Amino acid sequence: MMYITITPSPVGEITLASDGENLTGLWLAGQKYFGAGLPADHKKSTVQTKDDLPLFITVRDWLTRYFNCENPPAKTLPLAPAGSPFRQKAWQALLDIPYGTTTTYSLLGRQIGCTAARAVGGAVGHNPISIIIPCHRVVGANGKLTGYAGGVEVKQKLLVLESSGSQSATH
C-alpha cells in the first residue's frame, strides 16, 4: 500500500508519499517528474490518502522547522527514494551538502566517481524527495542557478532561505 498527503508550504503545495514506514516522495506542485517512484497504478486502489500517518506528521514538522530556518537533520528521517544504484549514490551525496552551502554538478560527480555531466545532472534532477534530499544546493560550475525540477524560482527561494538561516545561526 502507498500513502499520500498534500501539505501547504511557503513554496507551494507539497505532495508527500510513503510506503507506510518510509518517505518515498516529496514533490512540489507542477514539479517536473512529479510522482516519479509511485507505482504505475498509483491512481487506483493501491494508494490511499492518509493525512494522519505518523511519518507524514514527522515530515510536516521537519518541513515547518526547515521553512523556519532551523536546519533540521535530514538523515534522521526514514527516506526510501526509488532509483538505480547510481542515483541512490548521488542522492546520498546530496544529503552530505551542508545547509546554507552549494556545490557544483562537477564536484558532486567527482565525489561519486562519475565524470559524465549528463548522468550526474539526471540523477540530481530525478530526485524524488525534493527539499529533504537537497538537490537545490547543486549549481552550475560558474555558480549560476541551473535547472531545478521544482523551478529555478523555487530553487532560488530555498537557497535564500538557507542563506539567511545559516547566517542567523552563526550570530
N, C-alpha and C. Protein backbone atom coordinates (compact mmCIF):
# COMPACT_ATOMS: atom_id res chain seq x y z
N MET A 1 0.85 -1.17 0.00
CA MET A 1 0.00 0.00 0.00
C MET A 1 0.90 1.24 0.00
N MET A 2 0.50 2.24 -0.75
CA MET A 2 1.19 3.52 -0.82
C MET A 2 0.25 4.57 -0.25
N TYR A 3 0.80 5.49 0.53
CA TYR A 3 0.01 6.55 1.14
C TYR A 3 0.51 7.90 0.63
N ILE A 4 -0.42 8.82 0.46
CA ILE A 4 -0.05 10.17 0.06
C ILE A 4 -0.82 11.19 0.89
N THR A 5 -0.29 12.39 0.93
CA THR A 5 -0.98 13.52 1.55
C THR A 5 -0.45 14.79 0.89
N ILE A 6 -1.22 15.83 0.97
CA ILE A 6 -0.81 17.13 0.42
C ILE A 6 -0.74 18.12 1.57
N THR A 7 0.31 18.92 1.57
CA THR A 7 0.50 19.89 2.64
C THR A 7 0.94 21.23 2.04
N PRO A 8 0.49 22.33 2.62
CA PRO A 8 0.92 23.64 2.11
C PRO A 8 2.34 23.96 2.58
N SER A 9 3.01 24.85 1.84
CA SER A 9 4.34 25.31 2.24
C SER A 9 4.56 26.70 1.67
N PRO A 10 5.60 27.38 2.12
CA PRO A 10 5.91 28.70 1.56
C PRO A 10 6.28 28.69 0.08
N VAL A 11 6.59 27.52 -0.47
CA VAL A 11 6.93 27.42 -1.90
C VAL A 11 5.84 26.70 -2.68
N GLY A 12 4.66 26.61 -2.10
CA GLY A 12 3.53 25.98 -2.78
C GLY A 12 3.15 24.65 -2.16
N GLU A 13 2.14 24.06 -2.74
CA GLU A 13 1.63 22.78 -2.25
C GLU A 13 2.67 21.68 -2.45
N ILE A 14 2.81 20.84 -1.43
CA ILE A 14 3.76 19.72 -1.46
C ILE A 14 2.97 18.42 -1.32
N THR A 15 3.29 17.45 -2.16
CA THR A 15 2.71 16.12 -2.05
C THR A 15 3.76 15.20 -1.44
N LEU A 16 3.36 14.49 -0.40
CA LEU A 16 4.22 13.51 0.26
C LEU A 16 3.73 12.12 -0.08
N ALA A 17 4.65 11.17 -0.22
CA ALA A 17 4.29 9.78 -0.47
C ALA A 17 5.08 8.89 0.48
N SER A 18 4.45 7.80 0.91
CA SER A 18 5.09 6.88 1.85
C SER A 18 4.62 5.46 1.60
N ASP A 19 5.49 4.52 1.92
CA ASP A 19 5.12 3.11 1.88
C ASP A 19 4.53 2.67 3.23
N GLY A 20 4.34 3.62 4.11
CA GLY A 20 3.81 3.35 5.44
C GLY A 20 4.86 3.50 6.52
N GLU A 21 6.12 3.31 6.14
CA GLU A 21 7.22 3.43 7.09
C GLU A 21 8.27 4.44 6.65
N ASN A 22 8.45 4.57 5.35
CA ASN A 22 9.49 5.43 4.79
C ASN A 22 8.88 6.49 3.89
N LEU A 23 9.56 7.63 3.81
CA LEU A 23 9.16 8.65 2.85
C LEU A 23 9.72 8.23 1.50
N THR A 24 8.85 8.12 0.50
CA THR A 24 9.27 7.69 -0.83
C THR A 24 9.18 8.82 -1.84
N GLY A 25 8.51 9.91 -1.48
CA GLY A 25 8.40 11.02 -2.40
C GLY A 25 8.02 12.31 -1.71
N LEU A 26 8.52 13.41 -2.25
CA LEU A 26 8.13 14.76 -1.83
C LEU A 26 8.25 15.62 -3.09
N TRP A 27 7.10 16.03 -3.61
CA TRP A 27 7.08 16.79 -4.86
C TRP A 27 6.34 18.10 -4.67
N LEU A 28 6.85 19.13 -5.33
CA LEU A 28 6.19 20.42 -5.37
C LEU A 28 5.14 20.38 -6.46
N ALA A 29 4.08 21.15 -6.30
CA ALA A 29 3.03 21.21 -7.32
C ALA A 29 3.65 21.63 -8.65
N GLY A 30 3.34 20.90 -9.70
CA GLY A 30 3.85 21.23 -11.03
C GLY A 30 5.29 20.84 -11.28
N GLN A 31 5.90 20.16 -10.34
CA GLN A 31 7.30 19.78 -10.47
C GLN A 31 7.50 18.80 -11.62
N LYS A 32 8.59 18.96 -12.33
CA LYS A 32 8.97 18.01 -13.37
C LYS A 32 9.20 16.66 -12.68
N TYR A 33 8.79 15.60 -13.32
CA TYR A 33 8.88 14.22 -12.80
C TYR A 33 8.01 14.02 -11.56
N PHE A 34 6.95 14.82 -11.45
CA PHE A 34 6.01 14.69 -10.32
C PHE A 34 5.52 13.25 -10.24
N GLY A 35 5.59 12.66 -9.08
CA GLY A 35 5.10 11.30 -8.86
C GLY A 35 6.05 10.20 -9.28
N ALA A 36 7.26 10.55 -9.74
CA ALA A 36 8.22 9.52 -10.12
C ALA A 36 8.53 8.66 -8.90
N GLY A 37 8.45 7.38 -9.08
CA GLY A 37 8.69 6.46 -7.98
C GLY A 37 7.41 5.89 -7.41
N LEU A 38 6.27 6.51 -7.74
CA LEU A 38 4.99 5.92 -7.31
C LEU A 38 4.68 4.73 -8.22
N PRO A 39 3.93 3.76 -7.73
CA PRO A 39 3.56 2.64 -8.59
C PRO A 39 2.79 3.15 -9.81
N ALA A 40 2.92 2.46 -10.93
CA ALA A 40 2.25 2.87 -12.17
C ALA A 40 0.74 3.01 -11.98
N ASP A 41 0.16 2.19 -11.13
CA ASP A 41 -1.28 2.25 -10.90
C ASP A 41 -1.63 3.06 -9.66
N HIS A 42 -0.81 4.09 -9.35
CA HIS A 42 -0.99 4.85 -8.12
C HIS A 42 -2.31 5.60 -8.04
N LYS A 43 -3.01 5.73 -9.13
CA LYS A 43 -4.30 6.42 -9.08
C LYS A 43 -5.43 5.44 -8.73
N LYS A 44 -5.10 4.19 -8.58
CA LYS A 44 -6.10 3.18 -8.26
C LYS A 44 -6.08 2.86 -6.77
N SER A 45 -6.53 1.72 -6.43
CA SER A 45 -6.73 1.35 -5.02
C SER A 45 -5.44 1.09 -4.26
N THR A 46 -4.28 1.11 -4.90
CA THR A 46 -3.04 0.86 -4.17
C THR A 46 -2.53 2.09 -3.43
N VAL A 47 -3.14 3.24 -3.67
CA VAL A 47 -2.73 4.47 -3.00
C VAL A 47 -3.89 5.01 -2.19
N GLN A 48 -3.59 5.38 -0.97
CA GLN A 48 -4.62 5.87 -0.06
C GLN A 48 -4.16 7.21 0.53
N THR A 49 -5.06 8.17 0.57
CA THR A 49 -4.75 9.43 1.24
C THR A 49 -4.85 9.20 2.74
N LYS A 50 -3.80 9.58 3.44
CA LYS A 50 -3.77 9.35 4.89
C LYS A 50 -3.00 10.49 5.54
N ASP A 51 -3.73 11.55 5.85
CA ASP A 51 -3.11 12.74 6.42
C ASP A 51 -2.48 12.53 7.79
N ASP A 52 -3.01 11.56 8.56
CA ASP A 52 -2.54 11.36 9.93
C ASP A 52 -1.51 10.25 10.08
N LEU A 53 -0.92 9.80 8.98
CA LEU A 53 0.15 8.81 9.06
C LEU A 53 1.27 9.40 9.92
N PRO A 54 1.76 8.68 10.95
CA PRO A 54 2.80 9.24 11.82
C PRO A 54 4.01 9.80 11.05
N LEU A 55 4.42 9.13 10.00
CA LEU A 55 5.55 9.63 9.22
C LEU A 55 5.22 10.99 8.60
N PHE A 56 4.02 11.17 8.09
CA PHE A 56 3.65 12.45 7.50
C PHE A 56 3.64 13.56 8.54
N ILE A 57 3.24 13.24 9.75
CA ILE A 57 3.27 14.23 10.84
C ILE A 57 4.73 14.63 11.12
N THR A 58 5.62 13.65 11.14
CA THR A 58 7.04 13.90 11.36
C THR A 58 7.63 14.75 10.23
N VAL A 59 7.28 14.41 8.98
CA VAL A 59 7.81 15.16 7.83
C VAL A 59 7.25 16.58 7.82
N ARG A 60 5.97 16.74 8.13
CA ARG A 60 5.41 18.09 8.20
C ARG A 60 6.14 18.92 9.26
N ASP A 61 6.45 18.31 10.40
CA ASP A 61 7.21 19.00 11.44
C ASP A 61 8.60 19.37 10.92
N TRP A 62 9.24 18.46 10.22
CA TRP A 62 10.56 18.72 9.63
C TRP A 62 10.47 19.91 8.68
N LEU A 63 9.46 19.90 7.81
CA LEU A 63 9.29 21.00 6.84
C LEU A 63 9.03 22.33 7.54
N THR A 64 8.22 22.33 8.57
CA THR A 64 7.97 23.55 9.34
C THR A 64 9.27 24.09 9.91
N ARG A 65 10.05 23.22 10.49
CA ARG A 65 11.33 23.62 11.05
C ARG A 65 12.27 24.14 9.95
N TYR A 66 12.28 23.45 8.82
CA TYR A 66 13.12 23.87 7.69
C TYR A 66 12.73 25.27 7.23
N PHE A 67 11.44 25.49 6.98
CA PHE A 67 10.99 26.79 6.50
C PHE A 67 11.11 27.89 7.55
N ASN A 68 11.35 27.50 8.81
CA ASN A 68 11.64 28.46 9.88
C ASN A 68 13.14 28.62 10.09
N CYS A 69 13.93 28.13 9.14
CA CYS A 69 15.40 28.26 9.14
C CYS A 69 16.07 27.56 10.31
N GLU A 70 15.50 26.46 10.75
CA GLU A 70 16.07 25.74 11.90
C GLU A 70 17.06 24.64 11.51
N ASN A 71 17.26 24.37 10.23
CA ASN A 71 18.19 23.35 9.75
C ASN A 71 17.98 21.98 10.41
N PRO A 72 16.81 21.39 10.26
CA PRO A 72 16.58 20.07 10.84
C PRO A 72 17.41 19.01 10.10
N PRO A 73 17.89 17.99 10.80
CA PRO A 73 18.71 16.97 10.15
C PRO A 73 17.88 16.03 9.26
N ALA A 74 18.23 15.97 7.99
CA ALA A 74 17.50 15.12 7.05
C ALA A 74 17.81 13.64 7.25
N LYS A 75 19.01 13.33 7.70
CA LYS A 75 19.41 11.93 7.83
C LYS A 75 18.67 11.19 8.94
N THR A 76 17.91 11.91 9.76
CA THR A 76 17.14 11.25 10.81
C THR A 76 15.79 10.74 10.30
N LEU A 77 15.40 11.18 9.10
CA LEU A 77 14.12 10.74 8.53
C LEU A 77 14.31 9.43 7.79
N PRO A 78 13.32 8.55 7.84
CA PRO A 78 13.41 7.30 7.07
C PRO A 78 13.08 7.57 5.60
N LEU A 79 14.12 7.69 4.78
CA LEU A 79 13.96 8.02 3.37
C LEU A 79 14.19 6.77 2.52
N ALA A 80 13.33 6.57 1.52
CA ALA A 80 13.46 5.41 0.63
C ALA A 80 13.09 5.81 -0.80
N PRO A 81 13.92 6.67 -1.42
CA PRO A 81 13.64 7.04 -2.80
C PRO A 81 13.92 5.87 -3.73
N ALA A 82 13.05 5.67 -4.72
CA ALA A 82 13.24 4.58 -5.68
C ALA A 82 14.13 5.07 -6.81
N GLY A 83 15.18 4.31 -7.11
CA GLY A 83 16.08 4.67 -8.19
C GLY A 83 17.20 3.67 -8.34
N SER A 84 17.94 3.81 -9.40
CA SER A 84 19.07 2.92 -9.69
C SER A 84 20.15 3.08 -8.63
N PRO A 85 21.07 2.12 -8.54
CA PRO A 85 22.17 2.26 -7.58
C PRO A 85 22.96 3.55 -7.79
N PHE A 86 23.16 3.95 -9.05
CA PHE A 86 23.88 5.21 -9.32
C PHE A 86 23.12 6.40 -8.76
N ARG A 87 21.82 6.45 -9.01
CA ARG A 87 21.03 7.57 -8.49
C ARG A 87 21.01 7.55 -6.96
N GLN A 88 20.91 6.38 -6.37
CA GLN A 88 20.95 6.27 -4.91
C GLN A 88 22.24 6.88 -4.36
N LYS A 89 23.34 6.57 -5.04
CA LYS A 89 24.64 7.09 -4.62
C LYS A 89 24.66 8.62 -4.72
N ALA A 90 24.12 9.15 -5.81
CA ALA A 90 24.07 10.60 -5.99
C ALA A 90 23.19 11.24 -4.92
N TRP A 91 22.03 10.66 -4.66
CA TRP A 91 21.11 11.23 -3.67
C TRP A 91 21.71 11.17 -2.28
N GLN A 92 22.46 10.12 -1.98
CA GLN A 92 23.13 10.04 -0.68
C GLN A 92 24.16 11.16 -0.56
N ALA A 93 24.87 11.43 -1.66
CA ALA A 93 25.86 12.52 -1.65
C ALA A 93 25.20 13.87 -1.46
N LEU A 94 23.99 14.04 -2.00
CA LEU A 94 23.27 15.31 -1.81
C LEU A 94 23.00 15.56 -0.33
N LEU A 95 22.73 14.50 0.42
CA LEU A 95 22.46 14.64 1.86
C LEU A 95 23.68 15.15 2.63
N ASP A 96 24.87 15.03 2.01
CA ASP A 96 26.09 15.48 2.67
C ASP A 96 26.43 16.95 2.40
N ILE A 97 25.65 17.61 1.53
CA ILE A 97 25.90 19.03 1.26
C ILE A 97 25.37 19.83 2.45
N PRO A 98 26.24 20.56 3.13
CA PRO A 98 25.80 21.29 4.32
C PRO A 98 24.72 22.34 4.03
N TYR A 99 23.84 22.49 4.97
CA TYR A 99 22.79 23.51 4.94
C TYR A 99 23.43 24.87 4.70
N GLY A 100 22.82 25.65 3.81
CA GLY A 100 23.30 27.00 3.56
C GLY A 100 24.48 27.08 2.61
N THR A 101 24.89 25.94 2.03
CA THR A 101 26.00 25.94 1.08
C THR A 101 25.55 25.30 -0.23
N THR A 102 26.39 25.44 -1.24
CA THR A 102 26.12 24.80 -2.52
C THR A 102 27.35 24.04 -2.98
N THR A 103 27.14 23.19 -3.96
CA THR A 103 28.23 22.51 -4.65
C THR A 103 27.88 22.55 -6.13
N THR A 104 28.82 22.12 -6.94
CA THR A 104 28.57 22.10 -8.38
C THR A 104 28.31 20.67 -8.84
N TYR A 105 27.73 20.57 -10.01
CA TYR A 105 27.49 19.25 -10.59
C TYR A 105 28.81 18.51 -10.79
N SER A 106 29.85 19.22 -11.22
CA SER A 106 31.14 18.55 -11.45
C SER A 106 31.76 18.07 -10.14
N LEU A 107 31.68 18.88 -9.08
CA LEU A 107 32.21 18.43 -7.79
C LEU A 107 31.42 17.25 -7.24
N LEU A 108 30.10 17.30 -7.40
CA LEU A 108 29.27 16.18 -6.96
C LEU A 108 29.65 14.93 -7.75
N GLY A 109 29.84 15.08 -9.06
CA GLY A 109 30.23 13.96 -9.90
C GLY A 109 31.55 13.35 -9.45
N ARG A 110 32.52 14.18 -9.16
CA ARG A 110 33.81 13.66 -8.67
C ARG A 110 33.63 12.92 -7.35
N GLN A 111 32.78 13.47 -6.51
CA GLN A 111 32.55 12.85 -5.20
C GLN A 111 31.98 11.44 -5.34
N ILE A 112 31.13 11.22 -6.34
CA ILE A 112 30.51 9.90 -6.51
C ILE A 112 31.21 9.07 -7.58
N GLY A 113 32.33 9.59 -8.11
CA GLY A 113 33.12 8.85 -9.09
C GLY A 113 32.53 8.81 -10.48
N CYS A 114 31.91 9.91 -10.91
CA CYS A 114 31.31 9.97 -12.23
C CYS A 114 31.67 11.29 -12.90
N THR A 115 32.25 11.20 -14.09
CA THR A 115 32.61 12.42 -14.82
C THR A 115 31.60 12.76 -15.91
N ALA A 116 30.58 11.95 -16.07
CA ALA A 116 29.56 12.20 -17.08
C ALA A 116 28.55 13.21 -16.54
N ALA A 117 28.64 14.45 -17.02
CA ALA A 117 27.80 15.53 -16.52
C ALA A 117 26.31 15.22 -16.68
N ARG A 118 25.93 14.64 -17.80
CA ARG A 118 24.51 14.32 -18.01
C ARG A 118 24.00 13.31 -16.99
N ALA A 119 24.80 12.33 -16.67
CA ALA A 119 24.39 11.32 -15.69
C ALA A 119 24.20 11.95 -14.32
N VAL A 120 25.14 12.80 -13.93
CA VAL A 120 25.03 13.47 -12.63
C VAL A 120 23.81 14.38 -12.62
N GLY A 121 23.66 15.18 -13.67
CA GLY A 121 22.51 16.08 -13.77
C GLY A 121 21.20 15.32 -13.78
N GLY A 122 21.17 14.17 -14.46
CA GLY A 122 19.95 13.35 -14.49
C GLY A 122 19.60 12.80 -13.12
N ALA A 123 20.60 12.36 -12.40
CA ALA A 123 20.35 11.83 -11.05
C ALA A 123 19.84 12.93 -10.13
N VAL A 124 20.47 14.09 -10.18
CA VAL A 124 20.05 15.21 -9.34
C VAL A 124 18.64 15.64 -9.72
N GLY A 125 18.37 15.75 -11.01
CA GLY A 125 17.07 16.21 -11.49
C GLY A 125 15.92 15.26 -11.21
N HIS A 126 16.23 13.97 -11.09
CA HIS A 126 15.19 12.97 -10.84
C HIS A 126 15.04 12.62 -9.36
N ASN A 127 15.61 13.41 -8.49
CA ASN A 127 15.48 13.20 -7.05
C ASN A 127 13.99 13.24 -6.68
N PRO A 128 13.44 12.14 -6.16
CA PRO A 128 12.02 12.12 -5.83
C PRO A 128 11.66 12.68 -4.46
N ILE A 129 12.66 13.11 -3.70
CA ILE A 129 12.38 13.64 -2.36
C ILE A 129 13.01 15.04 -2.26
N SER A 130 12.43 15.96 -3.02
CA SER A 130 12.94 17.33 -3.07
C SER A 130 12.95 17.96 -1.68
N ILE A 131 13.76 18.96 -1.54
CA ILE A 131 13.97 19.75 -0.33
C ILE A 131 14.69 18.93 0.73
N ILE A 132 14.14 17.80 1.14
CA ILE A 132 14.80 17.00 2.19
C ILE A 132 16.11 16.41 1.66
N ILE A 133 16.08 15.83 0.48
CA ILE A 133 17.32 15.46 -0.21
C ILE A 133 17.63 16.69 -1.06
N PRO A 134 18.58 17.52 -0.62
CA PRO A 134 18.70 18.90 -1.10
C PRO A 134 19.35 19.08 -2.48
N CYS A 135 18.64 18.65 -3.51
CA CYS A 135 19.15 18.82 -4.88
C CYS A 135 19.21 20.30 -5.27
N HIS A 136 18.48 21.15 -4.56
CA HIS A 136 18.51 22.59 -4.84
C HIS A 136 19.88 23.20 -4.50
N ARG A 137 20.71 22.49 -3.78
CA ARG A 137 22.02 23.00 -3.39
C ARG A 137 23.09 22.76 -4.46
N VAL A 138 22.70 22.22 -5.61
CA VAL A 138 23.65 21.97 -6.68
C VAL A 138 23.48 23.04 -7.75
N VAL A 139 24.59 23.70 -8.08
CA VAL A 139 24.56 24.81 -9.04
C VAL A 139 25.55 24.53 -10.17
N GLY A 140 25.49 25.36 -11.19
CA GLY A 140 26.41 25.24 -12.32
C GLY A 140 27.83 25.58 -11.91
N ALA A 141 28.78 25.25 -12.79
CA ALA A 141 30.20 25.44 -12.50
C ALA A 141 30.53 26.89 -12.17
N ASN A 142 29.83 27.82 -12.77
CA ASN A 142 30.09 29.24 -12.53
C ASN A 142 29.25 29.79 -11.38
N GLY A 143 28.59 28.91 -10.62
CA GLY A 143 27.75 29.33 -9.51
C GLY A 143 26.35 29.74 -9.94
N LYS A 144 26.09 29.62 -11.24
CA LYS A 144 24.79 30.02 -11.79
C LYS A 144 23.72 29.01 -11.40
N LEU A 145 22.53 29.54 -11.12
CA LEU A 145 21.40 28.66 -10.80
C LEU A 145 20.93 28.00 -12.09
N THR A 146 21.16 26.72 -12.17
CA THR A 146 20.72 25.96 -13.34
C THR A 146 19.45 25.21 -12.97
N GLY A 147 18.96 24.42 -13.86
CA GLY A 147 17.68 23.75 -13.71
C GLY A 147 17.38 23.17 -12.34
N TYR A 148 16.12 23.15 -12.04
CA TYR A 148 15.60 22.55 -10.82
C TYR A 148 14.21 22.04 -11.17
N ALA A 149 13.94 20.80 -10.84
CA ALA A 149 12.65 20.20 -11.22
C ALA A 149 11.46 20.98 -10.68
N GLY A 150 11.64 21.67 -9.57
CA GLY A 150 10.58 22.48 -8.98
C GLY A 150 10.55 23.91 -9.51
N GLY A 151 11.47 24.23 -10.42
CA GLY A 151 11.56 25.58 -10.98
C GLY A 151 12.71 26.36 -10.37
N VAL A 152 13.40 27.12 -11.21
CA VAL A 152 14.56 27.88 -10.74
C VAL A 152 14.16 28.91 -9.69
N GLU A 153 12.93 29.46 -9.80
CA GLU A 153 12.49 30.45 -8.80
C GLU A 153 12.41 29.81 -7.42
N VAL A 154 11.92 28.58 -7.35
CA VAL A 154 11.82 27.87 -6.07
C VAL A 154 13.22 27.56 -5.55
N LYS A 155 14.10 27.13 -6.45
CA LYS A 155 15.49 26.84 -6.06
C LYS A 155 16.10 28.08 -5.41
N GLN A 156 15.90 29.24 -6.04
CA GLN A 156 16.45 30.48 -5.51
C GLN A 156 15.85 30.79 -4.13
N LYS A 157 14.54 30.61 -3.98
CA LYS A 157 13.90 30.86 -2.68
C LYS A 157 14.48 29.96 -1.59
N LEU A 158 14.71 28.68 -1.92
CA LEU A 158 15.25 27.75 -0.93
C LEU A 158 16.68 28.13 -0.55
N LEU A 159 17.48 28.52 -1.54
CA LEU A 159 18.86 28.92 -1.24
C LEU A 159 18.92 30.21 -0.43
N VAL A 160 18.04 31.16 -0.72
CA VAL A 160 17.98 32.40 0.05
C VAL A 160 17.54 32.09 1.48
N LEU A 161 16.53 31.25 1.63
CA LEU A 161 16.06 30.85 2.96
C LEU A 161 17.20 30.23 3.76
N GLU A 162 17.93 29.31 3.15
CA GLU A 162 19.03 28.65 3.86
C GLU A 162 20.16 29.63 4.16
N SER A 163 20.42 30.53 3.24
CA SER A 163 21.47 31.52 3.46
C SER A 163 21.14 32.40 4.66
N SER A 164 19.90 32.85 4.75
CA SER A 164 19.52 33.68 5.89
C SER A 164 19.49 32.86 7.17
N GLY A 165 19.11 31.60 7.08
CA GLY A 165 19.10 30.72 8.25
C GLY A 165 20.49 30.40 8.74
N SER A 166 21.43 30.16 7.83
CA SER A 166 22.78 29.83 8.25
C SER A 166 23.48 31.05 8.84
N GLN A 167 23.15 32.27 8.35
CA GLN A 167 23.73 33.48 8.90
C GLN A 167 23.23 33.75 10.30
N SER A 168 21.92 33.56 10.51
CA SER A 168 21.37 33.82 11.84
C SER A 168 21.86 32.78 12.85
N ALA A 169 22.18 31.59 12.38
CA ALA A 169 22.68 30.54 13.28
C ALA A 169 24.10 30.83 13.73
N THR A 170 24.86 31.66 12.98
CA THR A 170 26.23 31.93 13.35
C THR A 170 26.39 33.22 14.15
N HIS A 171 25.30 33.96 14.32
CA HIS A 171 25.37 35.25 15.06
C HIS A 171 24.83 35.12 16.45
